[in-house]
Amino acid sequence: MGLEIRPCKLRDANNYVAQHHRHNQPTNGHKFSVACYDGERLCGVAIAGQPVARLMDDGYTIEIRRVCTDGTRNACSILYAACVRAAKALGYHKVITYTLQTEPGTSVKAAGFQLACENCGGGWDRPSRPRENEQITMFGIVKKYSEGPKNRWEKLLK
């Protein structure tokens, strides 16, 4: 039996991200989420929403904000492709996503994305609007957002 895409509630996708993502926390909102199953085993999720960067939020661009799998072969690529198909069906013109520069981007490339910008990352803290990137939880201090250089990937739909 092959991999199958199914709809997913944000709460369930965020629970999966909290348990399995290497460097990111759950996201605070979405337009839609999808899950990837191998039989009845959940092997990954993707969360798509409004672009986080204000200048990218033109009403026709959607950002794949989280993709998280357990390492199942092809699950990442299938999740990216499912998000692209859903975005196109919903009338979006462009899909964007980000990877750390330390990640190869293999699954993003396999889903047809093109590298749009290198070194687009960093923290959210600015002199005009200070931001804390650490959160104290009962498990200790956790970084809320991954910092460092990122690559922005784009896929045009129109």
C-alpha atoms as a PDB file:
ATOM      1  CA  MET A   1       0.000   0.000   0.000  1.00  0.00           C
ATOM      2  CA  GLY A   2       1.303   3.465  -0.873  1.00  0.00           C
ATOM      3  CA  LEU A   3       1.280   6.755   0.944  1.00  0.00           C
ATOM      4  CA  GLU A   4      -2.034   8.582   1.205  1.00  0.00           C
ATOM      5  CA  ILE A   5      -2.883  12.228   1.886  1.00  0.00           C
ATOM      6  CA  ARG A   6      -5.765  12.973   4.261  1.00  0.00           C
ATOM      7  CA  PRO A   7      -7.184  16.184   5.747  1.00  0.00           C
ATOM      8  CA  CYS A   8      -5.898  17.119   9.173  1.00  0.00           C
ATOM      9  CA  LYS A   9      -6.996  19.485  11.943  1.00  0.00           C
ATOM     10  CA  LEU A  10      -4.490  22.131  13.022  1.00  0.00           C
ATOM     11  CA  ARG A  11      -4.534  20.777  16.585  1.00  0.00           C
ATOM     12  CA  ASP A  12      -3.515  17.304  15.372  1.00  0.00           C
ATOM     13  CA  ALA A  13      -0.856  18.654  13.007  1.00  0.00           C
ATOM     14  CA  ASN A  14       0.605  20.848  15.765  1.00  0.00           C
ATOM     15  CA  ASN A  15       0.702  17.890  18.172  1.00  0.00           C
ATOM     16  CA  TYR A  16       2.698  15.949  15.589  1.00  0.00           C
ATOM     17  CA  VAL A  17       5.064  18.906  15.030  1.00  0.00           C
ATOM     18  CA  ALA A  18       5.572  19.296  18.797  1.00  0.00           C
ATOM     19  CA  GLN A  19       6.581  15.647  19.067  1.00  0.00           C
ATOM     20  CA  HIS A  20       8.677  15.227  15.916  1.00  0.00           C
ATOM     21  CA  HIS A  21      10.020  18.482  14.414  1.00  0.00           C
ATOM     22  CA  ARG A  22      13.808  18.922  14.685  1.00  0.00           C
ATOM     23  CA  HIS A  23      13.899  22.682  15.215  1.00  0.00           C
ATOM     24  CA  ASN A  24      10.475  24.346  15.023  1.00  0.00           C
ATOM     25  CA  GLN A  25       7.527  24.678  17.358  1.00  0.00           C
ATOM     26  CA  PRO A  26       3.847  24.326  16.405  1.00  0.00           C
ATOM     27  CA  THR A  27       2.384  27.171  14.378  1.00  0.00           C
ATOM     28  CA  ASN A  28      -0.305  29.525  15.656  1.00  0.00           C
ATOM     29  CA  GLY A  29      -2.668  29.378  12.701  1.00  0.00           C
ATOM     30  CA  HIS A  30      -3.316  27.934   9.275  1.00  0.00           C
ATOM     31  CA  LYS A  31      -5.464  28.011   6.173  1.00  0.00           C
ATOM     32  CA  PHE A  32      -5.316  24.209   5.900  1.00  0.00           C
ATOM     33  CA  SER A  33      -3.318  21.210   7.080  1.00  0.00           C
ATOM     34  CA  VAL A  34      -2.782  17.790   5.549  1.00  0.00           C
ATOM     35  CA  ALA A  35      -1.501  14.492   6.891  1.00  0.00           C
ATOM     36  CA  CYS A  36       0.378  11.670   5.196  1.00  0.00           C
ATOM     37  CA  TYR A  37      -0.435   8.093   6.128  1.00  0.00           C
ATOM     38  CA  ASP A  38       1.286   4.817   5.351  1.00  0.00           C
ATOM     39  CA  GLY A  39      -1.660   2.496   5.822  1.00  0.00           C
ATOM     40  CA  GLU A  40      -3.083   3.560   9.177  1.00  0.00           C
ATOM     41  CA  ARG A  41       0.245   4.936  10.458  1.00  0.00           C
ATOM     42  CA  LEU A  42       0.564   8.724  10.518  1.00  0.00           C
ATOM     43  CA  CYS A  43       3.988   9.484   9.032  1.00  0.00           C
ATOM     44  CA  GLY A  44       3.879  13.250   8.470  1.00  0.00           C
ATOM     45  CA  VAL A  45       1.978  16.524   8.394  1.00  0.00           C
ATOM     46  CA  ALA A  46       2.099  19.847   6.568  1.00  0.00           C
ATOM     47  CA  ILE A  47       0.616  23.159   7.687  1.00  0.00           C
ATOM     48  CA  ALA A  48      -0.078  25.950   5.182  1.00  0.00           C
ATOM     49  CA  GLY A  49      -1.093  29.465   6.097  1.00  0.00           C
ATOM     50  CA  GLN A  50      -0.826  33.159   5.503  1.00  0.00           C
ATOM     51  CA  PRO A  51       2.785  34.235   4.867  1.00  0.00           C
ATOM     52  CA  VAL A  52       4.563  35.254   8.052  1.00  0.00           C
ATOM     53  CA  ALA A  53       6.533  38.022   6.292  1.00  0.00           C
ATOM     54  CA  ARG A  54       4.179  40.974   5.863  1.00  0.00           C
ATOM     55  CA  LEU A  55       5.603  41.944   2.482  1.00  0.00           C
ATOM     56  CA  MET A  56       4.858  38.464   1.091  1.00  0.00           C
ATOM     57  CA  ASP A  57       1.212  38.573   2.203  1.00  0.00           C
ATOM     58  CA  ASP A  58      -0.500  39.861  -0.933  1.00  0.00           C
ATOM     59  CA  GLY A  59      -3.657  37.740  -0.610  1.00  0.00           C
ATOM     60  CA  TYR A  60      -2.576  35.395  -3.412  1.00  0.00           C
ATOM     61  CA  THR A  61       0.470  33.827  -1.763  1.00  0.00           C
ATOM     62  CA  ILE A  62       0.331  30.995   0.747  1.00  0.00           C
ATOM     63  CA  GLU A  63       3.219  29.753   2.869  1.00  0.00           C
ATOM     64  CA  ILE A  64       3.856  26.150   3.764  1.00  0.00           C
ATOM     65  CA  ARG A  65       4.824  26.906   7.351  1.00  0.00           C
ATOM     66  CA  ARG A  66       5.628  23.430   8.638  1.00  0.00           C
ATOM     67  CA  VAL A  67       6.387  20.059   7.099  1.00  0.00           C
ATOM     68  CA  CYS A  68       7.272  17.315   9.532  1.00  0.00           C
ATOM     69  CA  THR A  69       7.668  13.582   8.982  1.00  0.00           C
ATOM     70  CA  ASP A  70       9.053  10.562  10.758  1.00  0.00           C
ATOM     71  CA  GLY A  71      11.487   9.970   7.896  1.00  0.00           C
ATOM     72  CA  THR A  72       9.203   7.842   5.747  1.00  0.00           C
ATOM     73  CA  ARG A  73      10.578   7.824   2.202  1.00  0.00           C
ATOM     74  CA  ASN A  74       8.872  10.391  -0.085  1.00  0.00           C
ATOM     75  CA  ALA A  75       6.492  11.646   2.641  1.00  0.00           C
ATOM     76  CA  CYS A  76       7.928  15.203   2.595  1.00  0.00           C
ATOM     77  CA  SER A  77       7.670  15.531  -1.183  1.00  0.00           C
ATOM     78  CA  ILE A  78       4.130  14.149  -1.178  1.00  0.00           C
ATOM     79  CA  LEU A  79       3.097  16.613   1.526  1.00  0.00           C
ATOM     80  CA  TYR A  80       4.603  19.582  -0.357  1.00  0.00           C
ATOM     81  CA  ALA A  81       2.884  18.481  -3.579  1.00  0.00           C
ATOM     82  CA  ALA A  82      -0.466  18.060  -1.785  1.00  0.00           C
ATOM     83  CA  CYS A  83      -0.211  21.588  -0.390  1.00  0.00           C
ATOM     84  CA  VAL A  84       0.547  22.946  -3.859  1.00  0.00           C
ATOM     85  CA  ARG A  85      -2.486  21.171  -5.363  1.00  0.00           C
ATOM     86  CA  ALA A  86      -4.749  22.461  -2.575  1.00  0.00           C
ATOM     87  CA  ALA A  87      -3.395  26.016  -2.920  1.00  0.00           C
ATOM     88  CA  LYS A  88      -4.006  25.963  -6.671  1.00  0.00           C
ATOM     89  CA  ALA A  89      -7.559  24.683  -6.155  1.00  0.00           C
ATOM     90  CA  LEU A  90      -8.181  27.516  -3.674  1.00  0.00           C
ATOM     91  CA  GLY A  91      -7.057  30.172  -6.186  1.00  0.00           C
ATOM     92  CA  TYR A  92      -3.611  31.063  -4.851  1.00  0.00           C
ATOM     93  CA  HIS A  93      -1.034  32.280  -7.382  1.00  0.00           C
ATOM     94  CA  LYS A  94       2.133  31.381  -5.502  1.00  0.00           C
ATOM     95  CA  VAL A  95       3.293  28.990  -2.783  1.00  0.00           C
ATOM     96  CA  ILE A  96       6.364  29.795  -0.680  1.00  0.00           C
ATOM     97  CA  THR A  97       8.270  27.889   1.957  1.00  0.00           C
ATOM     98  CA  TYR A  98      11.547  28.255   3.816  1.00  0.00           C
ATOM     99  CA  THR A  99      14.338  25.854   4.707  1.00  0.00           C
ATOM    100  CA  LEU A 100      17.419  26.392   6.788  1.00  0.00           C
ATOM    101  CA  GLN A 101      20.512  26.757   4.607  1.00  0.00           C
ATOM    102  CA  THR A 102      21.919  23.729   6.396  1.00  0.00           C
ATOM    103  CA  GLU A 103      19.097  21.619   4.884  1.00  0.00           C
ATOM    104  CA  PRO A 104      19.483  20.357   1.293  1.00  0.00           C
ATOM    105  CA  GLY A 105      15.907  21.129   0.163  1.00  0.00           C
ATOM    106  CA  THR A 106      15.624  17.831  -1.696  1.00  0.00           C
ATOM    107  CA  SER A 107      11.886  17.398  -1.054  1.00  0.00           C
ATOM    108  CA  VAL A 108      11.118  21.008  -1.933  1.00  0.00           C
ATOM    109  CA  LYS A 109      12.964  20.642  -5.240  1.00  0.00           C
ATOM    110  CA  ALA A 110      11.191  17.339  -5.912  1.00  0.00           C
ATOM    111  CA  ALA A 111       7.853  19.130  -5.515  1.00  0.00           C
ATOM    112  CA  GLY A 112       8.863  21.653  -8.203  1.00  0.00           C
ATOM    113  CA  PHE A 113       9.863  24.661  -6.097  1.00  0.00           C
ATOM    114  CA  GLN A 114      12.563  27.052  -7.292  1.00  0.00           C
ATOM    115  CA  LEU A 115      15.070  28.795  -5.038  1.00  0.00           C
ATOM    116  CA  ALA A 116      13.967  32.443  -4.830  1.00  0.00           C
ATOM    117  CA  CYS A 117      16.174  33.927  -2.121  1.00  0.00           C
ATOM    118  CA  GLU A 118      19.228  32.820  -0.193  1.00  0.00           C
ATOM    119  CA  ASN A 119      20.101  34.034   3.296  1.00  0.00           C
ATOM    120  CA  CYS A 120      16.566  35.271   3.999  1.00  0.00           C
ATOM    121  CA  GLY A 121      16.629  34.332   7.656  1.00  0.00           C
ATOM    122  CA  GLY A 122      17.547  35.574  11.044  1.00  0.00           C
ATOM    123  CA  GLY A 123      15.677  36.338  14.200  1.00  0.00           C
ATOM    124  CA  TRP A 124      12.509  38.355  14.592  1.00  0.00           C
ATOM    125  CA  ASP A 125      14.126  40.812  17.015  1.00  0.00           C
ATOM    126  CA  ARG A 126      14.563  44.368  15.696  1.00  0.00           C
ATOM    127  CA  PRO A 127      15.465  47.581  17.550  1.00  0.00           C
ATOM    128  CA  SER A 128      12.054  49.033  16.658  1.00  0.00           C
ATOM    129  CA  ARG A 129      10.188  45.886  17.835  1.00  0.00           C
ATOM    130  CA  PRO A 130      12.100  43.682  20.267  1.00  0.00           C
ATOM    131  CA  ARG A 131      11.123  39.993  20.257  1.00  0.00           C
ATOM    132  CA  GLU A 132      12.004  37.218  22.639  1.00  0.00           C
ATOM    133  CA  ASN A 133      12.999  33.966  20.963  1.00  0.00           C
ATOM    134  CA  GLU A 134      13.001  31.856  24.082  1.00  0.00           C
ATOM    135  CA  GLN A 135      10.091  30.464  25.991  1.00  0.00           C
ATOM    136  CA  ILE A 136      10.380  28.947  29.445  1.00  0.00           C
ATOM    137  CA  THR A 137       8.347  25.761  29.712  1.00  0.00           C
ATOM    138  CA  MET A 138       8.126  23.070  32.342  1.00  0.00           C
ATOM    139  CA  PHE A 139      10.763  21.212  30.281  1.00  0.00           C
ATOM    140  CA  GLY A 140      13.236  24.095  30.277  1.00  0.00           C
ATOM    141  CA  ILE A 141      14.067  26.915  27.847  1.00  0.00           C
ATOM    142  CA  VAL A 142      12.900  26.303  24.299  1.00  0.00           C
ATOM    143  CA  LYS A 143      13.659  28.382  21.215  1.00  0.00           C
ATOM    144  CA  LYS A 144      10.343  29.335  19.616  1.00  0.00           C
ATOM    145  CA  TYR A 145      11.723  29.944  16.113  1.00  0.00           C
ATOM    146  CA  SER A 146      14.708  28.609  14.244  1.00  0.00           C
ATOM    147  CA  GLU A 147      17.266  31.318  13.624  1.00  0.00           C
ATOM    148  CA  GLY A 148      19.975  31.554  11.044  1.00  0.00           C
ATOM    149  CA  PRO A 149      20.231  31.864   7.299  1.00  0.00           C
ATOM    150  CA  LYS A 150      17.298  30.473   5.356  1.00  0.00           C
ATOM    151  CA  ASN A 151      16.381  29.804   1.764  1.00  0.00           C
ATOM    152  CA  ARG A 152      13.003  30.913   0.408  1.00  0.00           C
ATOM    153  CA  TRP A 153      11.523  28.596  -2.185  1.00  0.00           C
ATOM    154  CA  GLU A 154       8.661  29.535  -4.527  1.00  0.00           C
ATOM    155  CA  LYS A 155       6.317  27.740  -6.863  1.00  0.00           C
ATOM    156  CA  LEU A 156       4.228  29.847  -9.227  1.00  0.00           C
ATOM    157  CA  LEU A 157       0.739  28.494  -9.885  1.00  0.00           C
ATOM    158  CA  LYS A 158      -0.546  30.963 -12.491  1.00  0.00           C
END
